[in-house]
N, C-alpha and C. Protein backbone atom coordinates (compact mmCIF):
# COMPACT_ATOMS: atom_id res chain seq x y z
N MET A 1 5.39 -12.74 -18.23
CA MET A 1 3.99 -12.39 -18.25
C MET A 1 3.86 -10.87 -18.18
N SER A 2 2.99 -10.32 -19.00
CA SER A 2 2.83 -8.88 -19.05
C SER A 2 1.76 -8.41 -18.05
N TYR A 3 1.82 -7.13 -17.76
CA TYR A 3 0.87 -6.52 -16.83
C TYR A 3 -0.51 -6.44 -17.47
N LYS A 4 -1.52 -6.82 -16.74
CA LYS A 4 -2.90 -6.71 -17.19
C LYS A 4 -3.53 -5.52 -16.46
N PRO A 5 -3.90 -4.48 -17.20
CA PRO A 5 -4.45 -3.28 -16.56
C PRO A 5 -5.67 -3.58 -15.70
N ARG A 6 -5.74 -2.90 -14.57
CA ARG A 6 -6.85 -3.06 -13.63
C ARG A 6 -7.79 -1.88 -13.75
N LEU A 7 -9.08 -2.14 -13.57
CA LEU A 7 -10.08 -1.08 -13.61
C LEU A 7 -9.86 -0.07 -12.49
N LEU A 8 -9.29 -0.50 -11.39
CA LEU A 8 -9.07 0.40 -10.25
C LEU A 8 -7.80 1.24 -10.37
N ALA A 9 -7.06 1.10 -11.47
CA ALA A 9 -5.82 1.87 -11.63
C ALA A 9 -6.10 3.37 -11.60
N ASN A 10 -7.13 3.81 -12.28
CA ASN A 10 -7.45 5.25 -12.27
C ASN A 10 -7.87 5.72 -10.89
N LYS A 11 -8.61 4.88 -10.17
CA LYS A 11 -8.99 5.23 -8.79
C LYS A 11 -7.74 5.36 -7.93
N GLN A 12 -6.78 4.44 -8.11
CA GLN A 12 -5.53 4.50 -7.36
C GLN A 12 -4.79 5.80 -7.66
N ARG A 13 -4.71 6.17 -8.93
CA ARG A 13 -4.05 7.42 -9.31
C ARG A 13 -4.74 8.62 -8.65
N SER A 14 -6.06 8.62 -8.69
CA SER A 14 -6.83 9.73 -8.12
C SER A 14 -6.63 9.82 -6.61
N LEU A 15 -6.71 8.69 -5.92
CA LEU A 15 -6.53 8.70 -4.47
C LEU A 15 -5.13 9.15 -4.09
N THR A 16 -4.13 8.68 -4.84
CA THR A 16 -2.75 9.05 -4.54
C THR A 16 -2.53 10.55 -4.75
N ALA A 17 -3.24 11.13 -5.69
CA ALA A 17 -3.12 12.57 -5.93
C ALA A 17 -3.85 13.40 -4.87
N ARG A 18 -4.88 12.82 -4.23
CA ARG A 18 -5.71 13.59 -3.31
C ARG A 18 -5.42 13.35 -1.83
N PHE A 19 -4.85 12.21 -1.48
CA PHE A 19 -4.62 11.88 -0.08
C PHE A 19 -3.14 11.64 0.19
N PRO A 20 -2.65 12.04 1.36
CA PRO A 20 -1.25 11.79 1.68
C PRO A 20 -0.96 10.31 1.96
N ILE A 21 -2.00 9.56 2.33
CA ILE A 21 -1.81 8.14 2.63
C ILE A 21 -2.93 7.36 1.94
N VAL A 22 -2.54 6.34 1.19
CA VAL A 22 -3.51 5.45 0.55
C VAL A 22 -3.21 4.04 1.04
N ILE A 23 -4.24 3.38 1.53
CA ILE A 23 -4.09 2.02 2.01
C ILE A 23 -4.80 1.11 1.02
N VAL A 24 -4.05 0.20 0.41
CA VAL A 24 -4.60 -0.75 -0.54
C VAL A 24 -4.60 -2.12 0.13
N CYS A 25 -5.80 -2.63 0.36
CA CYS A 25 -5.88 -3.94 1.00
C CYS A 25 -6.61 -4.91 0.08
N GLY A 26 -6.42 -6.17 0.34
CA GLY A 26 -7.04 -7.22 -0.45
C GLY A 26 -6.45 -8.56 -0.07
N ALA A 27 -7.07 -9.60 -0.55
CA ALA A 27 -6.60 -10.96 -0.25
C ALA A 27 -5.21 -11.18 -0.85
N ARG A 28 -4.58 -12.24 -0.42
CA ARG A 28 -3.27 -12.58 -0.98
C ARG A 28 -3.38 -12.83 -2.48
N GLN A 29 -2.37 -12.40 -3.19
CA GLN A 29 -2.22 -12.68 -4.62
C GLN A 29 -3.28 -12.06 -5.53
N VAL A 30 -3.91 -10.95 -5.12
CA VAL A 30 -4.87 -10.30 -6.01
C VAL A 30 -4.22 -9.23 -6.88
N GLY A 31 -2.96 -8.90 -6.60
CA GLY A 31 -2.24 -7.96 -7.44
C GLY A 31 -2.04 -6.58 -6.85
N LYS A 32 -2.06 -6.47 -5.53
CA LYS A 32 -1.87 -5.16 -4.88
C LYS A 32 -0.52 -4.56 -5.25
N SER A 33 0.53 -5.32 -5.06
CA SER A 33 1.89 -4.83 -5.34
C SER A 33 2.07 -4.54 -6.82
N THR A 34 1.55 -5.39 -7.67
CA THR A 34 1.67 -5.21 -9.11
C THR A 34 0.94 -3.95 -9.55
N LEU A 35 -0.25 -3.72 -9.01
CA LEU A 35 -1.00 -2.50 -9.33
C LEU A 35 -0.19 -1.27 -8.95
N ILE A 36 0.32 -1.24 -7.75
CA ILE A 36 1.06 -0.08 -7.27
C ILE A 36 2.33 0.13 -8.10
N ARG A 37 3.05 -0.93 -8.40
CA ARG A 37 4.27 -0.81 -9.22
C ARG A 37 3.97 -0.22 -10.60
N ASN A 38 2.79 -0.47 -11.12
CA ASN A 38 2.44 0.03 -12.44
C ASN A 38 1.78 1.40 -12.42
N VAL A 39 1.15 1.77 -11.32
CA VAL A 39 0.51 3.08 -11.22
C VAL A 39 1.52 4.15 -10.83
N ILE A 40 2.39 3.84 -9.88
CA ILE A 40 3.41 4.81 -9.44
C ILE A 40 4.79 4.14 -9.45
N PRO A 41 5.29 3.81 -10.64
CA PRO A 41 6.56 3.08 -10.73
C PRO A 41 7.77 3.87 -10.23
N GLU A 42 7.64 5.19 -10.19
CA GLU A 42 8.77 6.02 -9.77
C GLU A 42 8.95 6.09 -8.26
N TRP A 43 7.95 5.65 -7.50
CA TRP A 43 8.05 5.67 -6.04
C TRP A 43 8.90 4.49 -5.57
N PRO A 44 9.82 4.73 -4.64
CA PRO A 44 10.54 3.59 -4.05
C PRO A 44 9.57 2.73 -3.23
N SER A 45 9.87 1.45 -3.19
CA SER A 45 9.00 0.49 -2.49
C SER A 45 9.82 -0.40 -1.59
N ILE A 46 9.29 -0.64 -0.40
CA ILE A 46 9.93 -1.55 0.55
C ILE A 46 8.91 -2.62 0.91
N THR A 47 9.32 -3.86 0.77
CA THR A 47 8.43 -4.99 1.08
C THR A 47 8.87 -5.60 2.40
N PHE A 48 7.94 -5.70 3.33
CA PHE A 48 8.23 -6.25 4.65
C PHE A 48 8.06 -7.77 4.66
N ASP A 49 8.71 -8.38 5.63
CA ASP A 49 8.76 -9.83 5.74
C ASP A 49 8.39 -10.22 7.16
N PRO A 50 7.66 -11.34 7.33
CA PRO A 50 7.27 -11.72 8.69
C PRO A 50 8.44 -12.16 9.57
N ALA A 51 9.51 -12.68 8.95
CA ALA A 51 10.62 -13.20 9.75
C ALA A 51 11.78 -12.23 9.90
N LEU A 52 11.81 -11.19 9.07
CA LEU A 52 12.94 -10.28 9.06
C LEU A 52 12.46 -8.86 9.34
N ASP A 53 13.13 -8.17 10.24
CA ASP A 53 12.79 -6.78 10.53
C ASP A 53 13.56 -5.91 9.53
N VAL A 54 12.96 -5.67 8.38
CA VAL A 54 13.59 -4.93 7.29
C VAL A 54 13.96 -3.52 7.77
N GLY A 55 15.25 -3.22 7.71
CA GLY A 55 15.73 -1.89 8.09
C GLY A 55 15.41 -1.50 9.51
N ASN A 56 15.20 -2.46 10.38
CA ASN A 56 14.82 -2.21 11.78
C ASN A 56 13.53 -1.39 11.90
N ALA A 57 12.62 -1.59 10.94
CA ALA A 57 11.35 -0.84 10.94
C ALA A 57 10.54 -1.10 12.20
N ARG A 58 10.55 -2.34 12.69
CA ARG A 58 9.78 -2.67 13.90
C ARG A 58 10.46 -2.14 15.15
N LEU A 59 11.77 -2.21 15.17
CA LEU A 59 12.53 -1.80 16.35
C LEU A 59 12.55 -0.28 16.52
N ASP A 60 12.73 0.44 15.41
CA ASP A 60 12.81 1.90 15.48
C ASP A 60 12.10 2.51 14.27
N PRO A 61 10.75 2.56 14.31
CA PRO A 61 9.99 3.05 13.16
C PRO A 61 10.34 4.48 12.75
N ASP A 62 10.62 5.36 13.71
CA ASP A 62 10.94 6.74 13.36
C ASP A 62 12.27 6.84 12.61
N LEU A 63 13.27 6.11 13.06
CA LEU A 63 14.55 6.10 12.36
C LEU A 63 14.39 5.49 10.97
N PHE A 64 13.61 4.43 10.87
CA PHE A 64 13.35 3.80 9.58
C PHE A 64 12.77 4.83 8.60
N LEU A 65 11.75 5.57 9.04
CA LEU A 65 11.12 6.56 8.17
C LEU A 65 12.05 7.74 7.87
N ASP A 66 12.92 8.09 8.82
CA ASP A 66 13.93 9.13 8.55
C ASP A 66 14.86 8.68 7.42
N ASN A 67 15.19 7.38 7.41
CA ASN A 67 16.11 6.84 6.41
C ASN A 67 15.43 6.55 5.07
N HIS A 68 14.10 6.56 5.04
CA HIS A 68 13.33 6.28 3.82
C HIS A 68 12.26 7.36 3.66
N PRO A 69 12.65 8.53 3.16
CA PRO A 69 11.70 9.64 3.06
C PRO A 69 10.62 9.39 2.00
N PRO A 70 9.47 10.03 2.18
CA PRO A 70 8.39 9.90 1.20
C PRO A 70 8.72 10.68 -0.08
N PRO A 71 8.04 10.35 -1.17
CA PRO A 71 6.97 9.37 -1.29
C PRO A 71 7.54 7.96 -1.18
N LEU A 72 6.72 7.07 -0.62
CA LEU A 72 7.20 5.72 -0.32
C LEU A 72 6.05 4.73 -0.32
N VAL A 73 6.30 3.56 -0.90
CA VAL A 73 5.34 2.46 -0.84
C VAL A 73 5.84 1.48 0.22
N LEU A 74 4.97 1.17 1.17
CA LEU A 74 5.29 0.21 2.22
C LEU A 74 4.41 -1.01 1.98
N ASP A 75 5.00 -2.03 1.38
CA ASP A 75 4.29 -3.22 0.93
C ASP A 75 4.29 -4.28 2.02
N GLU A 76 3.14 -4.90 2.21
CA GLU A 76 2.96 -5.93 3.25
C GLU A 76 3.15 -5.31 4.64
N ILE A 77 2.52 -4.17 4.86
CA ILE A 77 2.66 -3.41 6.10
C ILE A 77 2.21 -4.21 7.32
N GLN A 78 1.41 -5.24 7.12
CA GLN A 78 0.97 -6.04 8.27
C GLN A 78 2.15 -6.68 9.01
N TYR A 79 3.31 -6.76 8.34
CA TYR A 79 4.49 -7.33 8.99
C TYR A 79 5.31 -6.28 9.74
N ALA A 80 4.91 -5.02 9.67
CA ALA A 80 5.59 -3.95 10.41
C ALA A 80 4.55 -2.96 10.92
N PRO A 81 3.59 -3.41 11.74
CA PRO A 81 2.51 -2.53 12.19
C PRO A 81 3.00 -1.37 13.06
N GLU A 82 4.21 -1.48 13.58
CA GLU A 82 4.77 -0.41 14.41
C GLU A 82 4.97 0.88 13.61
N LEU A 83 5.00 0.78 12.29
CA LEU A 83 5.18 1.96 11.46
C LEU A 83 3.95 2.85 11.40
N VAL A 84 2.76 2.28 11.61
CA VAL A 84 1.52 3.05 11.44
C VAL A 84 1.48 4.28 12.35
N PRO A 85 1.74 4.16 13.66
CA PRO A 85 1.73 5.37 14.50
C PRO A 85 2.80 6.38 14.09
N ALA A 86 3.95 5.89 13.62
CA ALA A 86 5.02 6.80 13.19
C ALA A 86 4.61 7.56 11.94
N ILE A 87 3.91 6.90 11.03
CA ILE A 87 3.42 7.56 9.82
C ILE A 87 2.39 8.61 10.19
N LYS A 88 1.57 8.31 11.17
CA LYS A 88 0.53 9.24 11.61
C LYS A 88 1.13 10.58 12.06
N ARG A 89 2.32 10.53 12.63
CA ARG A 89 2.97 11.74 13.16
C ARG A 89 3.72 12.52 12.09
N ARG A 90 3.72 12.06 10.85
CA ARG A 90 4.55 12.67 9.81
C ARG A 90 3.74 13.25 8.67
N ALA A 91 4.35 14.20 8.02
CA ALA A 91 3.81 14.68 6.76
C ALA A 91 4.51 13.88 5.66
N GLY A 92 3.82 13.66 4.59
CA GLY A 92 4.43 12.94 3.48
C GLY A 92 3.43 12.06 2.78
N MET A 93 3.85 11.48 1.69
CA MET A 93 2.96 10.66 0.88
C MET A 93 3.39 9.20 0.98
N TYR A 94 2.43 8.36 1.37
CA TYR A 94 2.69 6.95 1.56
C TYR A 94 1.58 6.12 0.93
N VAL A 95 1.95 4.99 0.37
CA VAL A 95 0.98 3.97 -0.02
C VAL A 95 1.32 2.74 0.79
N LEU A 96 0.34 2.23 1.51
CA LEU A 96 0.51 1.03 2.32
C LEU A 96 -0.29 -0.09 1.68
N THR A 97 0.28 -1.27 1.60
CA THR A 97 -0.48 -2.42 1.10
C THR A 97 -0.45 -3.50 2.16
N GLY A 98 -1.50 -4.30 2.16
CA GLY A 98 -1.55 -5.41 3.09
C GLY A 98 -2.77 -6.28 2.87
N SER A 99 -2.77 -7.37 3.54
CA SER A 99 -3.84 -8.35 3.43
C SER A 99 -5.12 -7.83 4.07
N GLN A 100 -6.25 -8.06 3.42
CA GLN A 100 -7.52 -7.59 3.97
C GLN A 100 -7.87 -8.31 5.27
N GLN A 101 -7.26 -9.46 5.51
CA GLN A 101 -7.52 -10.16 6.76
C GLN A 101 -6.85 -9.46 7.94
N TRP A 102 -5.97 -8.53 7.66
CA TRP A 102 -5.23 -7.86 8.73
C TRP A 102 -6.08 -6.72 9.27
N SER A 103 -6.69 -6.92 10.41
CA SER A 103 -7.61 -5.94 10.98
C SER A 103 -6.93 -4.61 11.29
N VAL A 104 -5.61 -4.62 11.45
CA VAL A 104 -4.91 -3.38 11.76
C VAL A 104 -5.03 -2.38 10.61
N LEU A 105 -5.20 -2.87 9.36
CA LEU A 105 -5.36 -1.95 8.23
C LEU A 105 -6.59 -1.08 8.42
N LYS A 106 -7.67 -1.67 8.85
CA LYS A 106 -8.89 -0.90 9.09
C LYS A 106 -8.67 0.05 10.27
N THR A 107 -8.00 -0.44 11.31
CA THR A 107 -7.69 0.40 12.45
C THR A 107 -6.77 1.55 12.03
N ALA A 108 -5.80 1.24 11.15
CA ALA A 108 -4.89 2.27 10.65
C ALA A 108 -5.66 3.33 9.89
N SER A 109 -6.59 2.91 9.05
CA SER A 109 -7.35 3.90 8.28
C SER A 109 -8.20 4.76 9.20
N GLU A 110 -8.69 4.18 10.30
CA GLU A 110 -9.46 4.96 11.27
C GLU A 110 -8.57 5.93 12.03
N SER A 111 -7.37 5.48 12.41
CA SER A 111 -6.47 6.36 13.15
C SER A 111 -5.89 7.45 12.26
N LEU A 112 -5.90 7.21 10.95
CA LEU A 112 -5.40 8.20 10.00
C LEU A 112 -6.55 8.94 9.32
N ALA A 113 -7.70 8.93 9.96
CA ALA A 113 -8.91 9.53 9.38
C ALA A 113 -8.66 10.94 8.89
N GLY A 114 -9.16 11.22 7.71
CA GLY A 114 -8.97 12.53 7.12
C GLY A 114 -7.69 12.64 6.32
N ARG A 115 -6.73 11.78 6.60
CA ARG A 115 -5.45 11.80 5.88
C ARG A 115 -5.30 10.61 4.96
N ALA A 116 -6.09 9.54 5.20
CA ALA A 116 -5.90 8.30 4.46
C ALA A 116 -7.16 7.88 3.72
N ALA A 117 -6.95 7.27 2.57
CA ALA A 117 -8.03 6.66 1.81
C ALA A 117 -7.79 5.15 1.78
N LEU A 118 -8.86 4.40 1.90
CA LEU A 118 -8.78 2.94 1.91
C LEU A 118 -9.36 2.41 0.60
N MET A 119 -8.59 1.60 -0.10
CA MET A 119 -9.05 1.00 -1.35
C MET A 119 -8.93 -0.51 -1.24
N ASP A 120 -10.02 -1.20 -1.51
CA ASP A 120 -10.05 -2.66 -1.44
C ASP A 120 -9.90 -3.22 -2.84
N LEU A 121 -8.88 -4.04 -3.05
CA LEU A 121 -8.63 -4.65 -4.35
C LEU A 121 -9.05 -6.11 -4.30
N GLU A 122 -9.91 -6.49 -5.22
CA GLU A 122 -10.35 -7.89 -5.31
C GLU A 122 -9.68 -8.54 -6.51
N GLY A 123 -9.96 -9.80 -6.72
CA GLY A 123 -9.42 -10.50 -7.88
C GLY A 123 -9.92 -9.87 -9.17
N PHE A 124 -9.40 -10.32 -10.28
CA PHE A 124 -9.81 -9.78 -11.58
C PHE A 124 -11.30 -9.89 -11.79
N SER A 125 -11.91 -8.81 -12.27
CA SER A 125 -13.32 -8.82 -12.62
C SER A 125 -13.46 -9.45 -14.00
N LEU A 126 -14.68 -9.80 -14.36
CA LEU A 126 -14.95 -10.36 -15.69
C LEU A 126 -14.52 -9.37 -16.77
N ALA A 127 -14.80 -8.09 -16.57
CA ALA A 127 -14.42 -7.06 -17.54
C ALA A 127 -12.91 -7.02 -17.72
N GLU A 128 -12.15 -7.16 -16.64
CA GLU A 128 -10.69 -7.14 -16.74
C GLU A 128 -10.19 -8.39 -17.45
N ILE A 129 -10.80 -9.52 -17.20
CA ILE A 129 -10.40 -10.77 -17.84
C ILE A 129 -10.68 -10.69 -19.34
N VAL A 130 -11.86 -10.22 -19.71
CA VAL A 130 -12.23 -10.12 -21.13
C VAL A 130 -11.29 -9.16 -21.85
N THR A 131 -11.00 -8.01 -21.22
CA THR A 131 -10.10 -7.02 -21.82
C THR A 131 -8.71 -7.61 -21.99
N ALA A 132 -8.26 -8.42 -21.03
CA ALA A 132 -6.93 -9.01 -21.08
C ALA A 132 -6.83 -10.05 -22.20
N VAL A 133 -7.95 -10.70 -22.53
CA VAL A 133 -7.95 -11.75 -23.55
C VAL A 133 -7.92 -11.14 -24.94
N VAL A 134 -8.57 -9.97 -25.12
CA VAL A 134 -8.70 -9.34 -26.45
C VAL A 134 -7.37 -8.91 -26.98
């Protein structure tokens, strides 16, 4: 299946160029990871898991970030919320993705005020569906 361009892709590019941290939230399966992979494919990406502490990110967030320098995409950040305070203390460019049901994302954007932009991604709009069909 091929990538279907999203109307918010240009907004994502603009936010990534203007803010050191961009938080992309939305419901499950709306295409957050796919959007990011297509907008900034050159950035390394790490996807977190609820059962596995990927790279000991939860146990030692500072060491994890030392081992994974920015720019960096941290996908499904709700599974490693310990990283948010560590990111706050650092300079660098990060894109965080997570479920909109995860209230910590909103808290993270508040704690990163002035440094972070929050973008909410919803399912495909009618315009995106029509464009994809043509």
